[in-house]
Amino acid sequence: MKRNPAFGYGIIAVLGIVLMIVIAFVGVDMRDKAAQEAEQGTEQTAEEGEVSSDPEAIYANNCAACHGADLSGGAGPELANIGSKYSPEELAEIIQNGIGTMPAQSHIPAEEVSLLSEWLSEKQ
């Protein structure tokens, strides 16, 4: 007695459909969790609203992704000796308005920009 070869393909098709349904439900659940986390993060940020007084923390949160955690550069230029090239005022201007391919960092409060530019100007 020979088996019908279509039977095996039918089982594979059914399992594939079941797998797609499971993945869809998992994806919806993950999307809902991500939305909840985003809402909680937004609430925490809005509640905090504090200006940081630690220039190294400001740098780590806003600059390190492009300029490197150790000021060695990356997508952006090296900043290890930036203080020998620019004054604190010039650095504040660059941070607020951007320069070249660096976008303006207008989301950083003026007090933090001032602290950051003073800290960077000491890097000579």
PDB file of N, CA and C in Angstrom:
ATOM      1  N   MET A   1       0.849  -1.174   0.000  1.00  0.00           N
ATOM      2  CA  MET A   1       0.000   0.000   0.000  1.00  0.00           C
ATOM      3  C   MET A   1       0.892   1.234   0.000  1.00  0.00           C
ATOM      4  N   LYS A   2       0.696   2.087  -0.999  1.00  0.00           N
ATOM      5  CA  LYS A   2       1.482   3.306  -1.112  1.00  0.00           C
ATOM      6  C   LYS A   2       0.736   4.460  -0.457  1.00  0.00           C
ATOM      7  N   ARG A   3       1.558   5.332   0.169  1.00  0.00           N
ATOM      8  CA  ARG A   3       0.967   6.523   0.804  1.00  0.00           C
ATOM      9  C   ARG A   3       0.887   7.648  -0.214  1.00  0.00           C
ATOM     10  N   ASN A   4      -0.046   8.493  -0.015  1.00  0.00           N
ATOM     11  CA  ASN A   4      -0.208   9.661  -0.876  1.00  0.00           C
ATOM     12  C   ASN A   4       0.839  10.697  -0.475  1.00  0.00           C
ATOM     13  N   PRO A   5       1.728  11.145  -1.379  1.00  0.00           N
ATOM     14  CA  PRO A   5       2.765  12.110  -1.007  1.00  0.00           C
ATOM     15  C   PRO A   5       2.197  13.472  -0.616  1.00  0.00           C
ATOM     16  N   ALA A   6       1.001  13.771  -1.034  1.00  0.00           N
ATOM     17  CA  ALA A   6       0.398  15.056  -0.677  1.00  0.00           C
ATOM     18  C   ALA A   6       0.099  15.131   0.818  1.00  0.00           C
ATOM     19  N   PHE A   7      -0.063  13.976   1.462  1.00  0.00           N
ATOM     20  CA  PHE A   7      -0.351  13.939   2.893  1.00  0.00           C
ATOM     21  C   PHE A   7       0.785  14.586   3.694  1.00  0.00           C
ATOM     22  N   GLY A   8       2.021  14.284   3.374  1.00  0.00           N
ATOM     23  CA  GLY A   8       3.174  14.870   4.072  1.00  0.00           C
ATOM     24  C   GLY A   8       3.244  16.374   3.885  1.00  0.00           C
ATOM     25  N   TYR A   9       2.969  16.810   2.659  1.00  0.00           N
ATOM     26  CA  TYR A   9       2.980  18.251   2.391  1.00  0.00           C
ATOM     27  C   TYR A   9       1.848  18.956   3.134  1.00  0.00           C
ATOM     28  N   GLY A  10       0.734  18.273   3.278  1.00  0.00           N
ATOM     29  CA  GLY A  10      -0.387  18.842   4.021  1.00  0.00           C
ATOM     30  C   GLY A  10      -0.037  19.059   5.483  1.00  0.00           C
ATOM     31  N   ILE A  11       0.646  18.084   6.078  1.00  0.00           N
ATOM     32  CA  ILE A  11       1.065  18.216   7.479  1.00  0.00           C
ATOM     33  C   ILE A  11       2.037  19.386   7.629  1.00  0.00           C
ATOM     34  N   ILE A  12       2.974  19.489   6.706  1.00  0.00           N
ATOM     35  CA  ILE A  12       3.940  20.597   6.754  1.00  0.00           C
ATOM     36  C   ILE A  12       3.220  21.936   6.616  1.00  0.00           C
ATOM     37  N   ALA A  13       2.235  22.015   5.729  1.00  0.00           N
ATOM     38  CA  ALA A  13       1.487  23.254   5.534  1.00  0.00           C
ATOM     39  C   ALA A  13       0.720  23.635   6.799  1.00  0.00           C
ATOM     40  N   VAL A  14       0.057  22.655   7.408  1.00  0.00           N
ATOM     41  CA  VAL A  14      -0.705  22.922   8.636  1.00  0.00           C
ATOM     42  C   VAL A  14       0.227  23.384   9.751  1.00  0.00           C
ATOM     43  N   LEU A  15       1.362  22.710   9.924  1.00  0.00           N
ATOM     44  CA  LEU A  15       2.320  23.118  10.952  1.00  0.00           C
ATOM     45  C   LEU A  15       2.860  24.522  10.679  1.00  0.00           C
ATOM     46  N   GLY A  16       3.090  24.837   9.413  1.00  0.00           N
ATOM     47  CA  GLY A  16       3.561  26.178   9.058  1.00  0.00           C
ATOM     48  C   GLY A  16       2.542  27.244   9.411  1.00  0.00           C
ATOM     49  N   ILE A  17       1.281  26.980   9.134  1.00  0.00           N
ATOM     50  CA  ILE A  17       0.218  27.935   9.459  1.00  0.00           C
ATOM     51  C   ILE A  17       0.099  28.111  10.966  1.00  0.00           C
ATOM     52  N   VAL A  18       0.144  27.013  11.711  1.00  0.00           N
ATOM     53  CA  VAL A  18       0.085  27.092  13.177  1.00  0.00           C
ATOM     54  C   VAL A  18       1.261  27.907  13.705  1.00  0.00           C
ATOM     55  N   LEU A  19       2.440  27.672  13.158  1.00  0.00           N
ATOM     56  CA  LEU A  19       3.626  28.411  13.584  1.00  0.00           C
ATOM     57  C   LEU A  19       3.475  29.904  13.301  1.00  0.00           C
ATOM     58  N   MET A  20       2.926  30.258  12.145  1.00  0.00           N
ATOM     59  CA  MET A  20       2.723  31.674  11.817  1.00  0.00           C
ATOM     60  C   MET A  20       1.733  32.322  12.779  1.00  0.00           C
ATOM     61  N   ILE A  21       0.689  31.614  13.148  1.00  0.00           N
ATOM     62  CA  ILE A  21      -0.295  32.154  14.092  1.00  0.00           C
ATOM     63  C   ILE A  21       0.344  32.381  15.457  1.00  0.00           C
ATOM     64  N   VAL A  22       1.125  31.422  15.922  1.00  0.00           N
ATOM     65  CA  VAL A  22       1.806  31.560  17.215  1.00  0.00           C
ATOM     66  C   VAL A  22       2.752  32.757  17.188  1.00  0.00           C
ATOM     67  N   ILE A  23       3.538  32.885  16.133  1.00  0.00           N
ATOM     68  CA  ILE A  23       4.480  34.006  16.024  1.00  0.00           C
ATOM     69  C   ILE A  23       3.732  35.334  15.986  1.00  0.00           C
ATOM     70  N   ALA A  24       2.581  35.375  15.306  1.00  0.00           N
ATOM     71  CA  ALA A  24       1.792  36.604  15.246  1.00  0.00           C
ATOM     72  C   ALA A  24       1.316  37.014  16.637  1.00  0.00           C
ATOM     73  N   PHE A  25       0.821  36.064  17.422  1.00  0.00           N
ATOM     74  CA  PHE A  25       0.360  36.386  18.769  1.00  0.00           C
ATOM     75  C   PHE A  25       1.511  36.828  19.664  1.00  0.00           C
ATOM     76  N   VAL A  26       2.655  36.188  19.524  1.00  0.00           N
ATOM     77  CA  VAL A  26       3.829  36.590  20.307  1.00  0.00           C
ATOM     78  C   VAL A  26       4.241  38.007  19.927  1.00  0.00           C
ATOM     79  N   GLY A  27       4.223  38.323  18.636  1.00  0.00           N
ATOM     80  CA  GLY A  27       4.585  39.661  18.176  1.00  0.00           C
ATOM     81  C   GLY A  27       3.640  40.726  18.700  1.00  0.00           C
ATOM     82  N   VAL A  28       2.340  40.438  18.705  1.00  0.00           N
ATOM     83  CA  VAL A  28       1.360  41.388  19.234  1.00  0.00           C
ATOM     84  C   VAL A  28       1.615  41.625  20.714  1.00  0.00           C
ATOM     85  N   ASP A  29       1.896  40.549  21.443  1.00  0.00           N
ATOM     86  CA  ASP A  29       2.175  40.673  22.872  1.00  0.00           C
ATOM     87  C   ASP A  29       3.430  41.514  23.107  1.00  0.00           C
ATOM     88  N   MET A  30       4.457  41.287  22.297  1.00  0.00           N
ATOM     89  CA  MET A  30       5.695  42.054  22.458  1.00  0.00           C
ATOM     90  C   MET A  30       5.464  43.525  22.132  1.00  0.00           C
ATOM     91  N   ARG A  31       4.637  43.807  21.119  1.00  0.00           N
ATOM     92  CA  ARG A  31       4.330  45.184  20.761  1.00  0.00           C
ATOM     93  C   ARG A  31       3.604  45.882  21.910  1.00  0.00           C
ATOM     94  N   ASP A  32       2.656  45.189  22.534  1.00  0.00           N
ATOM     95  CA  ASP A  32       1.936  45.761  23.665  1.00  0.00           C
ATOM     96  C   ASP A  32       2.873  46.040  24.835  1.00  0.00           C
ATOM     97  N   LYS A  33       3.780  45.105  25.110  1.00  0.00           N
ATOM     98  CA  LYS A  33       4.740  45.309  26.197  1.00  0.00           C
ATOM     99  C   LYS A  33       5.659  46.481  25.899  1.00  0.00           C
ATOM    100  N   ALA A  34       6.098  46.613  24.655  1.00  0.00           N
ATOM    101  CA  ALA A  34       6.972  47.725  24.274  1.00  0.00           C
ATOM    102  C   ALA A  34       6.238  49.053  24.423  1.00  0.00           C
ATOM    103  N   ALA A  35       4.962  49.082  24.071  1.00  0.00           N
ATOM    104  CA  ALA A  35       4.176  50.303  24.218  1.00  0.00           C
ATOM    105  C   ALA A  35       4.026  50.675  25.689  1.00  0.00           C
ATOM    106  N   GLN A  36       3.797  49.679  26.540  1.00  0.00           N
ATOM    107  CA  GLN A  36       3.681  49.944  27.973  1.00  0.00           C
ATOM    108  C   GLN A  36       4.996  50.461  28.536  1.00  0.00           C
ATOM    109  N   GLU A  37       6.115  49.863  28.120  1.00  0.00           N
ATOM    110  CA  GLU A  37       7.420  50.313  28.597  1.00  0.00           C
ATOM    111  C   GLU A  37       7.708  51.732  28.128  1.00  0.00           C
ATOM    112  N   ALA A  38       7.312  52.051  26.906  1.00  0.00           N
ATOM    113  CA  ALA A  38       7.532  53.396  26.384  1.00  0.00           C
ATOM    114  C   ALA A  38       6.725  54.416  27.177  1.00  0.00           C
ATOM    115  N   GLU A  39       5.480  54.067  27.516  1.00  0.00           N
ATOM    116  CA  GLU A  39       4.654  54.966  28.312  1.00  0.00           C
ATOM    117  C   GLU A  39       5.259  55.178  29.694  1.00  0.00           C
ATOM    118  N   GLN A  40       5.737  54.110  30.304  1.00  0.00           N
ATOM    119  CA  GLN A  40       6.347  54.226  31.627  1.00  0.00           C
ATOM    120  C   GLN A  40       7.620  55.053  31.548  1.00  0.00           C
ATOM    121  N   GLY A  41       8.418  54.854  30.512  1.00  0.00           N
ATOM    122  CA  GLY A  41       9.652  55.617  30.342  1.00  0.00           C
ATOM    123  C   GLY A  41       9.367  57.087  30.140  1.00  0.00           C
ATOM    124  N   THR A  42       8.312  57.411  29.373  1.00  0.00           N
ATOM    125  CA  THR A  42       7.941  58.800  29.141  1.00  0.00           C
ATOM    126  C   THR A  42       7.494  59.449  30.440  1.00  0.00           C
ATOM    127  N   GLU A  43       6.729  58.713  31.238  1.00  0.00           N
ATOM    128  CA  GLU A  43       6.280  59.257  32.513  1.00  0.00           C
ATOM    129  C   GLU A  43       7.460  59.523  33.432  1.00  0.00           C
ATOM    130  N   GLN A  44       8.411  58.605  33.482  1.00  0.00           N
ATOM    131  CA  GLN A  44       9.566  58.788  34.343  1.00  0.00           C
ATOM    132  C   GLN A  44      10.395  59.976  33.888  1.00  0.00           C
ATOM    133  N   THR A  45      10.580  60.131  32.586  1.00  0.00           N
ATOM    134  CA  THR A  45      11.366  61.244  32.071  1.00  0.00           C
ATOM    135  C   THR A  45      10.676  62.559  32.389  1.00  0.00           C
ATOM    136  N   ALA A  46       9.369  62.592  32.211  1.00  0.00           N
ATOM    137  CA  ALA A  46       8.638  63.816  32.482  1.00  0.00           C
ATOM    138  C   ALA A  46       8.675  64.156  33.966  1.00  0.00           C
ATOM    139  N   GLU A  47       8.608  63.154  34.823  1.00  0.00           N
ATOM    140  CA  GLU A  47       8.650  63.410  36.253  1.00  0.00           C
ATOM    141  C   GLU A  47      10.031  63.880  36.681  1.00  0.00           C
ATOM    142  N   GLU A  48      11.056  63.278  36.092  1.00  0.00           N
ATOM    143  CA  GLU A  48      12.406  63.637  36.498  1.00  0.00           C
ATOM    144  C   GLU A  48      12.668  65.085  36.138  1.00  0.00           C
ATOM    145  N   GLY A  49      12.704  65.404  34.852  1.00  0.00           N
ATOM    146  CA  GLY A  49      12.858  66.771  34.396  1.00  0.00           C
ATOM    147  C   GLY A  49      13.977  67.541  35.062  1.00  0.00           C
ATOM    148  N   GLU A  50      14.916  66.870  35.670  1.00  0.00           N
ATOM    149  CA  GLU A  50      15.978  67.543  36.392  1.00  0.00           C
ATOM    150  C   GLU A  50      17.165  67.782  35.482  1.00  0.00           C
ATOM    151  N   VAL A  51      17.892  68.842  35.768  1.00  0.00           N
ATOM    152  CA  VAL A  51      19.108  69.147  35.039  1.00  0.00           C
ATOM    153  C   VAL A  51      20.258  68.463  35.758  1.00  0.00           C
ATOM    154  N   SER A  52      21.050  67.723  35.007  1.00  0.00           N
ATOM    155  CA  SER A  52      22.184  67.020  35.593  1.00  0.00           C
ATOM    156  C   SER A  52      23.296  68.011  35.901  1.00  0.00           C
ATOM    157  N   SER A  53      24.000  67.772  36.996  1.00  0.00           N
ATOM    158  CA  SER A  53      25.131  68.628  37.355  1.00  0.00           C
ATOM    159  C   SER A  53      26.453  67.906  37.131  1.00  0.00           C
ATOM    160  N   ASP A  54      26.400  66.734  36.523  1.00  0.00           N
ATOM    161  CA  ASP A  54      27.600  65.945  36.262  1.00  0.00           C
ATOM    162  C   ASP A  54      27.887  65.953  34.763  1.00  0.00           C
ATOM    163  N   PRO A  55      28.897  66.705  34.326  1.00  0.00           N
ATOM    164  CA  PRO A  55      29.169  66.791  32.889  1.00  0.00           C
ATOM    165  C   PRO A  55      29.534  65.446  32.263  1.00  0.00           C
ATOM    166  N   GLU A  56      30.150  64.567  33.029  1.00  0.00           N
ATOM    167  CA  GLU A  56      30.490  63.250  32.483  1.00  0.00           C
ATOM    168  C   GLU A  56      29.227  62.439  32.204  1.00  0.00           C
ATOM    169  N   ALA A  57      28.226  62.567  33.062  1.00  0.00           N
ATOM    170  CA  ALA A  57      26.952  61.876  32.837  1.00  0.00           C
ATOM    171  C   ALA A  57      26.225  62.479  31.637  1.00  0.00           C
ATOM    172  N   ILE A  58      26.285  63.795  31.505  1.00  0.00           N
ATOM    173  CA  ILE A  58      25.673  64.458  30.350  1.00  0.00           C
ATOM    174  C   ILE A  58      26.326  63.949  29.069  1.00  0.00           C
ATOM    175  N   TYR A  59      27.655  63.887  29.076  1.00  0.00           N
ATOM    176  CA  TYR A  59      28.394  63.389  27.915  1.00  0.00           C
ATOM    177  C   TYR A  59      28.007  61.942  27.611  1.00  0.00           C
ATOM    178  N   ALA A  60      27.970  61.109  28.637  1.00  0.00           N
ATOM    179  CA  ALA A  60      27.648  59.691  28.439  1.00  0.00           C
ATOM    180  C   ALA A  60      26.253  59.514  27.839  1.00  0.00           C
ATOM    181  N   ASN A  61      25.303  60.342  28.256  1.00  0.00           N
ATOM    182  CA  ASN A  61      23.925  60.211  27.795  1.00  0.00           C
ATOM    183  C   ASN A  61      23.677  60.813  26.421  1.00  0.00           C
ATOM    184  N   ASN A  62      24.486  61.793  26.015  1.00  0.00           N
ATOM    185  CA  ASN A  62      24.181  62.529  24.795  1.00  0.00           C
ATOM    186  C   ASN A  62      25.255  62.483  23.716  1.00  0.00           C
ATOM    187  N   CYS A  63      26.490  62.198  24.081  1.00  0.00           N
ATOM    188  CA  CYS A  63      27.597  62.359  23.136  1.00  0.00           C
ATOM    189  C   CYS A  63      28.393  61.087  22.877  1.00  0.00           C
ATOM    190  N   ALA A  64      28.461  60.218  23.870  1.00  0.00           N
ATOM    191  CA  ALA A  64      29.358  59.062  23.806  1.00  0.00           C
ATOM    192  C   ALA A  64      29.042  58.119  22.652  1.00  0.00           C
ATOM    193  N   ALA A  65      27.800  58.056  22.234  1.00  0.00           N
ATOM    194  CA  ALA A  65      27.443  57.142  21.143  1.00  0.00           C
ATOM    195  C   ALA A  65      28.203  57.475  19.863  1.00  0.00           C
ATOM    196  N   CYS A  66      28.438  58.748  19.608  1.00  0.00           N
ATOM    197  CA  CYS A  66      29.156  59.151  18.389  1.00  0.00           C
ATOM    198  C   CYS A  66      30.627  59.460  18.643  1.00  0.00           C
ATOM    199  N   HIS A  67      30.929  60.040  19.795  1.00  0.00           N
ATOM    200  CA  HIS A  67      32.291  60.502  20.065  1.00  0.00           C
ATOM    201  C   HIS A  67      33.093  59.545  20.939  1.00  0.00           C
ATOM    202  N   GLY A  68      32.504  58.425  21.324  1.00  0.00           N
ATOM    203  CA  GLY A  68      33.207  57.423  22.119  1.00  0.00           C
ATOM    204  C   GLY A  68      33.143  57.714  23.601  1.00  0.00           C
ATOM    205  N   ALA A  69      33.022  56.675  24.390  1.00  0.00           N
ATOM    206  CA  ALA A  69      32.924  56.824  25.845  1.00  0.00           C
ATOM    207  C   ALA A  69      34.180  57.442  26.435  1.00  0.00           C
ATOM    208  N   ASP A  70      35.315  57.237  25.768  1.00  0.00           N
ATOM    209  CA  ASP A  70      36.585  57.775  26.267  1.00  0.00           C
ATOM    210  C   ASP A  70      37.080  58.955  25.430  1.00  0.00           C
ATOM    211  N   LEU A  71      36.174  59.614  24.718  1.00  0.00           N
ATOM    212  CA  LEU A  71      36.466  60.782  23.874  1.00  0.00           C
ATOM    213  C   LEU A  71      37.346  60.439  22.671  1.00  0.00           C
ATOM    214  N   SER A  72      37.493  59.157  22.366  1.00  0.00           N
ATOM    215  CA  SER A  72      38.417  58.733  21.313  1.00  0.00           C
ATOM    216  C   SER A  72      37.827  58.812  19.912  1.00  0.00           C
ATOM    217  N   GLY A  73      36.571  59.161  19.800  1.00  0.00           N
ATOM    218  CA  GLY A  73      35.941  59.264  18.491  1.00  0.00           C
ATOM    219  C   GLY A  73      35.250  57.982  18.094  1.00  0.00           C
ATOM    220  N   GLY A  74      34.568  58.046  17.004  1.00  0.00           N
ATOM    221  CA  GLY A  74      33.808  56.914  16.465  1.00  0.00           C
ATOM    222  C   GLY A  74      33.145  57.427  15.210  1.00  0.00           C
ATOM    223  N   ALA A  75      31.821  57.513  15.226  1.00  0.00           N
ATOM    224  CA  ALA A  75      31.104  58.118  14.106  1.00  0.00           C
ATOM    225  C   ALA A  75      31.412  59.610  14.048  1.00  0.00           C
ATOM    226  N   GLY A  76      31.656  60.206  15.223  1.00  0.00           N
ATOM    227  CA  GLY A  76      32.053  61.607  15.314  1.00  0.00           C
ATOM    228  C   GLY A  76      33.540  61.706  15.606  1.00  0.00           C
ATOM    229  N   PRO A  77      34.089  62.914  15.526  1.00  0.00           N
ATOM    230  CA  PRO A  77      35.533  63.074  15.732  1.00  0.00           C
ATOM    231  C   PRO A  77      35.958  62.884  17.186  1.00  0.00           C
ATOM    232  N   GLU A  78      37.238  62.688  17.358  1.00  0.00           N
ATOM    233  CA  GLU A  78      37.847  62.564  18.685  1.00  0.00           C
ATOM    234  C   GLU A  78      37.701  63.898  19.423  1.00  0.00           C
ATOM    235  N   LEU A  79      37.410  63.829  20.713  1.00  0.00           N
ATOM    236  CA  LEU A  79      37.250  65.038  21.526  1.00  0.00           C
ATOM    237  C   LEU A  79      38.277  65.120  22.648  1.00  0.00           C
ATOM    238  N   ALA A  80      39.255  64.235  22.654  1.00  0.00           N
ATOM    239  CA  ALA A  80      40.223  64.177  23.751  1.00  0.00           C
ATOM    240  C   ALA A  80      40.989  65.485  23.919  1.00  0.00           C
ATOM    241  N   ASN A  81      41.228  66.227  22.838  1.00  0.00           N
ATOM    242  CA  ASN A  81      41.968  67.494  22.909  1.00  0.00           C
ATOM    243  C   ASN A  81      41.150  68.661  22.374  1.00  0.00           C
ATOM    244  N   ILE A  82      39.854  68.557  22.444  1.00  0.00           N
ATOM    245  CA  ILE A  82      38.968  69.565  21.857  1.00  0.00           C
ATOM    246  C   ILE A  82      39.119  70.933  22.515  1.00  0.00           C
ATOM    247  N   GLY A  83      39.508  70.961  23.790  1.00  0.00           N
ATOM    248  CA  GLY A  83      39.663  72.234  24.497  1.00  0.00           C
ATOM    249  C   GLY A  83      40.782  73.091  23.938  1.00  0.00           C
ATOM    250  N   SER A  84      41.753  72.503  23.272  1.00  0.00           N
ATOM    251  CA  SER A  84      42.834  73.283  22.671  1.00  0.00           C
ATOM    252  C   SER A  84      42.407  73.907  21.350  1.00  0.00           C
ATOM    253  N   LYS A  85      41.272  73.495  20.823  1.00  0.00           N
ATOM    254  CA  LYS A  85      40.803  74.001  19.533  1.00  0.00           C
ATOM    255  C   LYS A  85      39.664  75.011  19.671  1.00  0.00           C
ATOM    256  N   TYR A  86      38.790  74.800  20.671  1.00  0.00           N
ATOM    257  CA  TYR A  86      37.614  75.653  20.835  1.00  0.00           C
ATOM    258  C   TYR A  86      37.507  76.167  22.265  1.00  0.00           C
ATOM    259  N   SER A  87      36.931  77.369  22.406  1.00  0.00           N
ATOM    260  CA  SER A  87      36.646  77.934  23.729  1.00  0.00           C
ATOM    261  C   SER A  87      35.342  77.329  24.248  1.00  0.00           C
ATOM    262  N   PRO A  88      35.048  77.515  25.540  1.00  0.00           N
ATOM    263  CA  PRO A  88      33.771  76.998  26.068  1.00  0.00           C
ATOM    264  C   PRO A  88      32.557  77.573  25.328  1.00  0.00           C
ATOM    265  N   GLU A  89      32.637  78.842  24.958  1.00  0.00           N
ATOM    266  CA  GLU A  89      31.523  79.475  24.251  1.00  0.00           C
ATOM    267  C   GLU A  89      31.341  78.853  22.865  1.00  0.00           C
ATOM    268  N   GLU A  90      32.452  78.605  22.179  1.00  0.00           N
ATOM    269  CA  GLU A  90      32.378  77.982  20.862  1.00  0.00           C
ATOM    270  C   GLU A  90      31.844  76.557  20.965  1.00  0.00           C
ATOM    271  N   LEU A  91      32.274  75.842  21.986  1.00  0.00           N
ATOM    272  CA  LEU A  91      31.778  74.480  22.188  1.00  0.00           C
ATOM    273  C   LEU A  91      30.277  74.483  22.465  1.00  0.00           C
ATOM    274  N   ALA A  92      29.814  75.429  23.277  1.00  0.00           N
ATOM    275  CA  ALA A  92      28.379  75.527  23.564  1.00  0.00           C
ATOM    276  C   ALA A  92      27.603  75.810  22.280  1.00  0.00           C
ATOM    277  N   GLU A  93      28.139  76.687  21.447  1.00  0.00           N
ATOM    278  CA  GLU A  93      27.511  77.009  20.159  1.00  0.00           C
ATOM    279  C   GLU A  93      27.427  75.767  19.267  1.00  0.00           C
ATOM    280  N   ILE A  94      28.513  75.008  19.216  1.00  0.00           N
ATOM    281  CA  ILE A  94      28.539  73.788  18.398  1.00  0.00           C
ATOM    282  C   ILE A  94      27.530  72.768  18.925  1.00  0.00           C
ATOM    283  N   ILE A  95      27.470  72.602  20.238  1.00  0.00           N
ATOM    284  CA  ILE A  95      26.539  71.634  20.829  1.00  0.00           C
ATOM    285  C   ILE A  95      25.099  72.024  20.519  1.00  0.00           C
ATOM    286  N   GLN A  96      24.775  73.298  20.684  1.00  0.00           N
ATOM    287  CA  GLN A  96      23.399  73.752  20.496  1.00  0.00           C
ATOM    288  C   GLN A  96      22.971  73.779  19.033  1.00  0.00           C
ATOM    289  N   ASN A  97      23.890  74.155  18.137  1.00  0.00           N
ATOM    290  CA  ASN A  97      23.512  74.363  16.738  1.00  0.00           C
ATOM    291  C   ASN A  97      24.081  73.338  15.769  1.00  0.00           C
ATOM    292  N   GLY A  98      25.000  72.508  16.241  1.00  0.00           N
ATOM    293  CA  GLY A  98      25.625  71.529  15.366  1.00  0.00           C
ATOM    294  C   GLY A  98      26.711  72.162  14.508  1.00  0.00           C
ATOM    295  N   ILE A  99      27.496  71.317  13.847  1.00  0.00           N
ATOM    296  CA  ILE A  99      28.545  71.780  12.943  1.00  0.00           C
ATOM    297  C   ILE A  99      28.853  70.633  11.984  1.00  0.00           C
ATOM    298  N   GLY A 100      29.051  70.949  10.726  1.00  0.00           N
ATOM    299  CA  GLY A 100      29.323  69.901   9.745  1.00  0.00           C
ATOM    300  C   GLY A 100      28.206  68.868   9.729  1.00  0.00           C
ATOM    301  N   THR A 101      28.561  67.615   9.938  1.00  0.00           N
ATOM    302  CA  THR A 101      27.548  66.548   9.933  1.00  0.00           C
ATOM    303  C   THR A 101      26.930  66.307  11.307  1.00  0.00           C
ATOM    304  N   MET A 102      27.436  67.007  12.329  1.00  0.00           N
ATOM    305  CA  MET A 102      26.870  66.853  13.677  1.00  0.00           C
ATOM    306  C   MET A 102      25.561  67.634  13.762  1.00  0.00           C
ATOM    307  N   PRO A 103      24.470  66.961  14.129  1.00  0.00           N
ATOM    308  CA  PRO A 103      23.198  67.668  14.259  1.00  0.00           C
ATOM    309  C   PRO A 103      23.153  68.505  15.535  1.00  0.00           C
ATOM    310  N   ALA A 104      22.281  69.498  15.540  1.00  0.00           N
ATOM    311  CA  ALA A 104      22.071  70.321  16.729  1.00  0.00           C
ATOM    312  C   ALA A 104      21.539  69.446  17.855  1.00  0.00           C
ATOM    313  N   GLN A 105      22.021  69.690  19.051  1.00  0.00           N
ATOM    314  CA  GLN A 105      21.570  68.945  20.226  1.00  0.00           C
ATOM    315  C   GLN A 105      20.650  69.843  21.054  1.00  0.00           C
ATOM    316  N   SER A 106      19.588  70.333  20.414  1.00  0.00           N
ATOM    317  CA  SER A 106      18.690  71.292  21.043  1.00  0.00           C
ATOM    318  C   SER A 106      17.878  70.695  22.184  1.00  0.00           C
ATOM    319  N   HIS A 107      17.892  69.387  22.336  1.00  0.00           N
ATOM    320  CA  HIS A 107      17.150  68.743  23.422  1.00  0.00           C
ATOM    321  C   HIS A 107      17.886  68.837  24.760  1.00  0.00           C
ATOM    322  N   ILE A 108      19.156  69.241  24.729  1.00  0.00           N
ATOM    323  CA  ILE A 108      19.937  69.349  25.967  1.00  0.00           C
ATOM    324  C   ILE A 108      19.674  70.729  26.570  1.00  0.00           C
ATOM    325  N   PRO A 109      19.259  70.805  27.833  1.00  0.00           N
ATOM    326  CA  PRO A 109      19.002  72.102  28.470  1.00  0.00           C
ATOM    327  C   PRO A 109      20.255  72.987  28.479  1.00  0.00           C
ATOM    328  N   ALA A 110      20.051  74.301  28.456  1.00  0.00           N
ATOM    329  CA  ALA A 110      21.155  75.260  28.390  1.00  0.00           C
ATOM    330  C   ALA A 110      22.134  75.085  29.547  1.00  0.00           C
ATOM    331  N   GLU A 111      21.622  74.763  30.739  1.00  0.00           N
ATOM    332  CA  GLU A 111      22.504  74.583  31.895  1.00  0.00           C
ATOM    333  C   GLU A 111      23.450  73.402  31.671  1.00  0.00           C
ATOM    334  N   GLU A 112      22.918  72.332  31.096  1.00  0.00           N
ATOM    335  CA  GLU A 112      23.743  71.160  30.822  1.00  0.00           C
ATOM    336  C   GLU A 112      24.737  71.440  29.698  1.00  0.00           C
ATOM    337  N   VAL A 113      24.323  72.209  28.702  1.00  0.00           N
ATOM    338  CA  VAL A 113      25.234  72.582  27.615  1.00  0.00           C
ATOM    339  C   VAL A 113      26.402  73.370  28.176  1.00  0.00           C
ATOM    340  N   SER A 114      26.110  74.285  29.094  1.00  0.00           N
ATOM    341  CA  SER A 114      27.165  75.092  29.711  1.00  0.00           C
ATOM    342  C   SER A 114      28.141  74.217  30.488  1.00  0.00           C
ATOM    343  N   LEU A 115      27.613  73.318  31.302  1.00  0.00           N
ATOM    344  CA  LEU A 115      28.476  72.402  32.065  1.00  0.00           C
ATOM    345  C   LEU A 115      29.314  71.526  31.139  1.00  0.00           C
ATOM    346  N   LEU A 116      28.686  71.009  30.108  1.00  0.00           N
ATOM    347  CA  LEU A 116      29.372  70.127  29.167  1.00  0.00           C
ATOM    348  C   LEU A 116      30.460  70.868  28.403  1.00  0.00           C
ATOM    349  N   SER A 117      30.167  72.078  27.955  1.00  0.00           N
ATOM    350  CA  SER A 117      31.167  72.838  27.195  1.00  0.00           C
ATOM    351  C   SER A 117      32.348  73.232  28.076  1.00  0.00           C
ATOM    352  N   GLU A 118      32.097  73.566  29.334  1.00  0.00           N
ATOM    353  CA  GLU A 118      33.200  73.872  30.260  1.00  0.00           C
ATOM    354  C   GLU A 118      34.064  72.633  30.481  1.00  0.00           C
ATOM    355  N   TRP A 119      33.426  71.492  30.663  1.00  0.00           N
ATOM    356  CA  TRP A 119      34.154  70.240  30.891  1.00  0.00           C
ATOM    357  C   TRP A 119      34.986  69.866  29.670  1.00  0.00           C
ATOM    358  N   LEU A 120      34.381  69.992  28.492  1.00  0.00           N
ATOM    359  CA  LEU A 120      35.112  69.659  27.266  1.00  0.00           C
ATOM    360  C   LEU A 120      36.270  70.623  27.017  1.00  0.00           C
ATOM    361  N   SER A 121      36.097  71.890  27.403  1.00  0.00           N
ATOM    362  CA  SER A 121      37.169  72.870  27.176  1.00  0.00           C
ATOM    363  C   SER A 121      38.403  72.559  28.019  1.00  0.00           C
ATOM    364  N   GLU A 122      38.236  71.795  29.080  1.00  0.00           N
ATOM    365  CA  GLU A 122      39.372  71.392  29.917  1.00  0.00           C
ATOM    366  C   GLU A 122      40.161  70.248  29.291  1.00  0.00           C
ATOM    367  N   LYS A 123      39.618  69.630  28.254  1.00  0.00           N
ATOM    368  CA  LYS A 123      40.286  68.504  27.586  1.00  0.00           C
ATOM    369  C   LYS A 123      41.291  69.056  26.576  1.00  0.00           C
ATOM    370  N   GLN A 124      42.537  69.185  27.001  1.00  0.00           N
ATOM    371  CA  GLN A 124      43.570  69.764  26.124  1.00  0.00           C
ATOM    372  C   GLN A 124      44.762  68.868  26.004  1.00  0.00           C
TER     373      GLN A 124
END
